[in-house]
């Protein structure tokens, strides 16, 4: 019997399938896996609530139809039979003011005053990269997170390393991809600004003089069936024009 925690708005839809394949849904105690039945946001929430437990993300078919190669039952069956690939997902952290935010997708700093850009300097691995940038926001993303806000800013994604994107940059700075062993240091030269991670409600307020250190988090998370979850054919169906 596989003990699992289950998250998702319509997660009750798959309870009969989980029972069919010998998966026991528990409310408390240690589980072998956390199944997230939904989208990327559900996966992000699950990682914050259960960071030490592997994740098995499945698209919610009420809002995200699956392609002909995938089905919810087929994915669950493959998991139980040990056929789904395990993928380590790196995380990143941002430290400032004795606070730390951790993300699977990305960490972003946004301006508070919409009519005024934030200004900041960027140092990468102790070398000055930008003396004074001005933009609406900037962020650092993981490869997984590069398909989200990072892509909407840059129009691109990446497979390895970490990426930094600049939204509406005065310098027309687009983005950079660096090693995930690198450390990014940012000093706020003009605020106010806020710092957020993924879809977490925790917000760090920033002001002139604040220093932010962003780097790879020492722990990773394990996801089963990530390639199937990120299937391009399934994605096309989700974004198909009616």
Protein backbone atom coordinates (compact mmCIF):
# COMPACT_ATOMS: atom_id res chain seq x y z
CA UNK A 1 0.00 0.00 0.00
CA UNK A 2 1.34 3.41 -1.00
CA UNK A 3 0.47 6.20 1.41
CA UNK A 4 -0.13 9.51 -0.31
CA UNK A 5 -1.23 13.01 0.47
CA UNK A 6 -3.52 14.57 -2.12
CA UNK A 7 -3.86 18.25 -3.01
CA UNK A 8 -5.98 19.98 -5.63
CA UNK A 9 -9.30 21.75 -6.08
CA UNK A 10 -10.86 18.75 -7.83
CA UNK A 11 -8.72 16.06 -6.24
CA UNK A 12 -11.79 14.03 -5.27
CA UNK A 13 -12.15 13.19 -8.99
CA UNK A 14 -9.24 10.74 -8.84
CA UNK A 15 -9.99 9.05 -5.51
CA UNK A 16 -11.53 5.96 -7.21
CA UNK A 17 -8.42 5.57 -9.40
CA UNK A 18 -6.08 5.85 -6.44
CA UNK A 19 -8.04 3.17 -4.59
CA UNK A 20 -8.02 0.96 -7.69
CA UNK A 21 -4.22 1.02 -7.81
CA UNK A 22 -3.65 0.53 -4.10
CA UNK A 23 -2.88 4.09 -3.08
CA UNK A 24 -4.05 5.09 0.38
CA UNK A 25 -4.85 8.80 0.83
CA UNK A 26 -3.95 10.00 4.32
CA UNK A 27 -4.62 13.32 6.06
CA UNK A 28 -1.80 13.23 8.61
CA UNK A 29 1.50 11.47 9.16
CA UNK A 30 4.31 10.62 6.77
CA UNK A 31 3.44 9.82 3.17
CA UNK A 32 5.43 8.16 0.39
CA UNK A 33 4.40 10.80 -2.12
CA UNK A 34 2.29 13.93 -2.51
CA UNK A 35 -0.02 13.87 -5.52
CA UNK A 36 -0.91 17.32 -6.82
CA UNK A 37 -3.97 17.24 -9.03
CA UNK A 38 -3.99 20.62 -10.70
CA UNK A 39 -1.48 22.93 -12.32
CA UNK A 40 1.90 24.39 -11.51
CA UNK A 41 0.43 26.42 -8.66
CA UNK A 42 -0.76 23.30 -6.85
CA UNK A 43 2.72 21.81 -7.16
CA UNK A 44 4.27 24.96 -5.69
CA UNK A 45 1.88 24.89 -2.72
CA UNK A 46 2.61 21.20 -2.10
CA UNK A 47 6.34 21.83 -2.01
CA UNK A 48 5.93 24.56 0.62
CA UNK A 49 3.65 22.41 2.78
CA UNK A 50 5.55 19.13 2.39
CA UNK A 51 9.12 19.98 1.32
CA UNK A 52 10.63 16.64 2.34
CA UNK A 53 8.18 14.40 0.45
CA UNK A 54 8.48 13.54 -3.29
CA UNK A 55 5.82 15.03 -5.57
CA UNK A 56 3.73 13.40 -8.29
CA UNK A 57 2.02 16.18 -10.30
CA UNK A 58 -0.98 15.38 -12.50
CA UNK A 59 -2.89 17.90 -14.61
CA UNK A 60 -6.48 18.51 -13.57
CA UNK A 61 -8.48 17.41 -16.62
CA UNK A 62 -11.37 19.73 -15.79
CA UNK A 63 -9.19 22.69 -16.69
CA UNK A 64 -6.25 21.09 -18.55
CA UNK A 65 -7.13 18.36 -21.07
CA UNK A 66 -4.46 15.72 -21.65
CA UNK A 67 -3.13 14.72 -25.06
CA UNK A 68 -3.77 11.31 -26.62
CA UNK A 69 -0.50 9.97 -25.19
CA UNK A 70 -1.50 10.61 -21.57
CA UNK A 71 -4.38 9.82 -19.25
CA UNK A 72 -4.80 10.23 -15.52
CA UNK A 73 -5.28 6.49 -15.05
CA UNK A 74 -2.27 5.72 -17.23
CA UNK A 75 -0.06 8.05 -15.21
CA UNK A 76 -1.19 6.60 -11.88
CA UNK A 77 -0.67 3.06 -13.18
CA UNK A 78 2.83 3.94 -14.41
CA UNK A 79 3.70 5.46 -11.05
CA UNK A 80 2.57 2.40 -9.10
CA UNK A 81 4.55 0.16 -11.47
CA UNK A 82 7.66 2.27 -10.99
CA UNK A 83 7.79 3.40 -14.62
CA UNK A 84 7.73 7.17 -14.10
CA UNK A 85 11.09 8.91 -14.15
CA UNK A 86 12.26 10.71 -11.03
CA UNK A 87 13.48 14.25 -11.71
CA UNK A 88 15.40 16.37 -9.18
CA UNK A 89 14.16 19.95 -9.21
CA UNK A 90 16.51 22.63 -7.96
CA UNK A 91 15.25 25.42 -5.76
CA UNK A 92 16.58 28.91 -5.20
CA UNK A 93 16.57 31.12 -2.14
CA UNK A 94 16.73 34.86 -1.54
CA UNK A 95 17.98 36.26 1.76
CA UNK A 96 17.39 39.80 2.95
CA UNK A 97 16.80 41.45 6.34
CA UNK A 98 17.27 38.11 8.14
CA UNK A 99 14.43 36.68 6.06
CA UNK A 100 14.62 33.92 3.48
CA UNK A 101 12.27 33.05 0.62
CA UNK A 102 12.60 29.70 -1.17
CA UNK A 103 11.18 28.93 -4.62
CA UNK A 104 10.83 26.14 -7.17
CA UNK A 105 9.93 28.58 -9.96
CA UNK A 106 11.26 32.05 -9.32
CA UNK A 107 11.95 34.94 -6.99
CA UNK A 108 10.94 38.41 -8.19
CA UNK A 109 11.39 41.95 -6.95
CA UNK A 110 8.69 44.40 -8.09
CA UNK A 111 8.33 48.15 -7.81
CA UNK A 112 5.68 49.41 -5.39
CA UNK A 113 5.03 52.72 -7.12
CA UNK A 114 3.81 51.95 -10.63
CA UNK A 115 4.97 55.33 -11.96
CA UNK A 116 8.53 54.85 -10.70
CA UNK A 117 11.12 52.22 -11.57
CA UNK A 118 13.26 50.58 -8.94
CA UNK A 119 17.00 51.09 -9.18
CA UNK A 120 19.55 48.52 -8.12
CA UNK A 121 23.04 47.19 -8.70
CA UNK A 122 23.83 43.58 -9.59
CA UNK A 123 26.95 41.67 -8.56
CA UNK A 124 27.49 38.09 -9.79
CA UNK A 125 30.09 35.95 -8.05
CA UNK A 126 31.67 39.06 -6.51
CA UNK A 127 32.04 40.80 -9.89
CA UNK A 128 30.01 43.90 -10.77
CA UNK A 129 27.54 43.10 -13.57
CA UNK A 130 25.32 46.22 -13.58
CA UNK A 131 26.31 49.36 -11.71
CA UNK A 132 22.79 50.85 -11.74
CA UNK A 133 19.81 49.23 -13.41
CA UNK A 134 16.31 50.68 -13.57
CA UNK A 135 13.27 48.51 -14.29
CA UNK A 136 9.76 47.67 -13.16
CA UNK A 137 10.95 44.35 -11.79
CA UNK A 138 13.65 41.72 -11.99
CA UNK A 139 13.69 38.09 -11.09
CA UNK A 140 15.73 34.92 -10.87
CA UNK A 141 14.27 31.65 -12.14
CA UNK A 142 15.08 27.94 -12.12
CA UNK A 143 14.87 25.86 -15.33
CA UNK A 144 11.37 24.78 -14.29
CA UNK A 145 10.38 28.36 -13.53
CA UNK A 146 11.77 29.56 -16.86
CA UNK A 147 8.52 28.45 -18.50
CA UNK A 148 6.55 30.93 -16.37
CA UNK A 149 7.11 34.67 -15.74
CA UNK A 150 10.69 34.44 -17.02
CA UNK A 151 9.41 33.34 -20.43
CA UNK A 152 6.78 36.09 -20.55
CA UNK A 153 9.57 38.67 -20.12
CA UNK A 154 12.30 37.12 -22.25
CA UNK A 155 10.40 34.93 -24.73
CA UNK A 156 12.74 32.05 -23.97
CA UNK A 157 13.35 29.18 -21.57
CA UNK A 158 16.45 27.25 -20.47
CA UNK A 159 17.33 23.75 -19.29
CA UNK A 160 20.32 24.23 -16.95
CA UNK A 161 21.59 26.93 -14.60
CA UNK A 162 19.59 29.85 -13.25
CA UNK A 163 18.32 32.82 -15.21
CA UNK A 164 17.89 36.48 -14.37
CA UNK A 165 15.27 38.55 -16.21
CA UNK A 166 14.68 42.30 -16.27
CA UNK A 167 11.20 43.70 -16.99
CA UNK A 168 11.07 47.02 -18.87
CA UNK A 169 14.71 47.70 -18.20
CA UNK A 170 16.09 51.17 -18.90
CA UNK A 171 19.28 49.56 -20.19
CA UNK A 172 17.26 47.28 -22.47
CA UNK A 173 18.83 44.44 -20.56
CA UNK A 174 17.11 41.25 -21.62
CA UNK A 175 18.28 38.31 -19.52
CA UNK A 176 21.28 36.26 -18.51
CA UNK A 177 21.78 32.55 -17.83
CA UNK A 178 24.48 31.62 -15.32
CA UNK A 179 25.67 28.54 -13.49
CA UNK A 180 23.44 27.35 -10.65
CA UNK A 181 26.53 27.47 -8.45
CA UNK A 182 26.69 31.26 -8.88
CA UNK A 183 25.57 33.81 -6.31
CA UNK A 184 23.70 36.98 -7.24
CA UNK A 185 23.87 40.00 -4.96
CA UNK A 186 21.52 42.91 -5.49
CA UNK A 187 21.53 46.23 -3.67
CA UNK A 188 18.39 48.35 -3.81
CA UNK A 189 19.46 51.87 -4.76
CA UNK A 190 15.94 53.27 -4.93
CA UNK A 191 12.73 51.77 -3.66
CA UNK A 192 10.31 50.99 -2.31
CA UNK A 193 9.94 47.46 -3.66
CA UNK A 194 8.62 44.06 -2.65
CA UNK A 195 10.15 40.59 -3.00
CA UNK A 196 8.05 37.47 -3.58
CA UNK A 197 8.68 33.78 -4.28
CA UNK A 198 6.51 31.56 -6.49
CA UNK A 199 2.82 31.95 -5.57
CA UNK A 200 3.53 32.35 -1.85
CA UNK A 201 1.66 35.08 0.04
CA UNK A 202 4.75 35.98 2.08
CA UNK A 203 6.09 39.37 0.99
CA UNK A 204 9.36 41.04 1.96
CA UNK A 205 9.30 44.83 1.80
CA UNK A 206 12.45 46.45 0.46
CA UNK A 207 13.86 49.96 0.72
CA UNK A 208 16.95 51.86 -0.33
CA UNK A 209 20.12 50.22 0.93
CA UNK A 210 18.70 46.72 1.34
CA UNK A 211 20.92 43.87 0.15
CA UNK A 212 19.55 40.67 -1.40
CA UNK A 213 21.52 37.47 -1.87
CA UNK A 214 20.08 34.92 -4.32
CA UNK A 215 21.56 31.47 -4.83
CA UNK A 216 20.73 27.81 -5.29
CA UNK A 217 19.03 26.31 -2.25
CA UNK A 218 21.01 23.40 -0.73
CA UNK A 219 18.06 21.00 -0.92
CA UNK A 220 16.23 19.82 -4.04
CA UNK A 221 12.81 18.27 -4.45
CA UNK A 222 11.99 15.08 -6.34
CA UNK A 223 9.13 14.94 -8.84
CA UNK A 224 7.74 11.85 -10.56
CA UNK A 225 6.53 12.15 -14.14
CA UNK A 226 7.68 15.74 -14.62
CA UNK A 227 8.18 15.23 -18.37
CA UNK A 228 4.60 14.03 -18.71
CA UNK A 229 3.36 16.92 -16.55
CA UNK A 230 5.19 19.39 -18.81
CA UNK A 231 4.16 17.67 -22.08
CA UNK A 232 4.13 20.15 -24.98
CA UNK A 233 1.19 18.41 -26.68
CA UNK A 234 -0.87 18.70 -23.49
CA UNK A 235 0.18 22.36 -23.24
CA UNK A 236 -1.06 23.06 -26.76
CA UNK A 237 -4.48 21.70 -25.83
CA UNK A 238 -4.62 23.94 -22.76
CA UNK A 239 -3.87 27.03 -24.85
CA UNK A 240 -5.91 26.08 -27.90
CA UNK A 241 -7.99 28.96 -29.20
CA UNK A 242 -11.73 28.39 -29.29
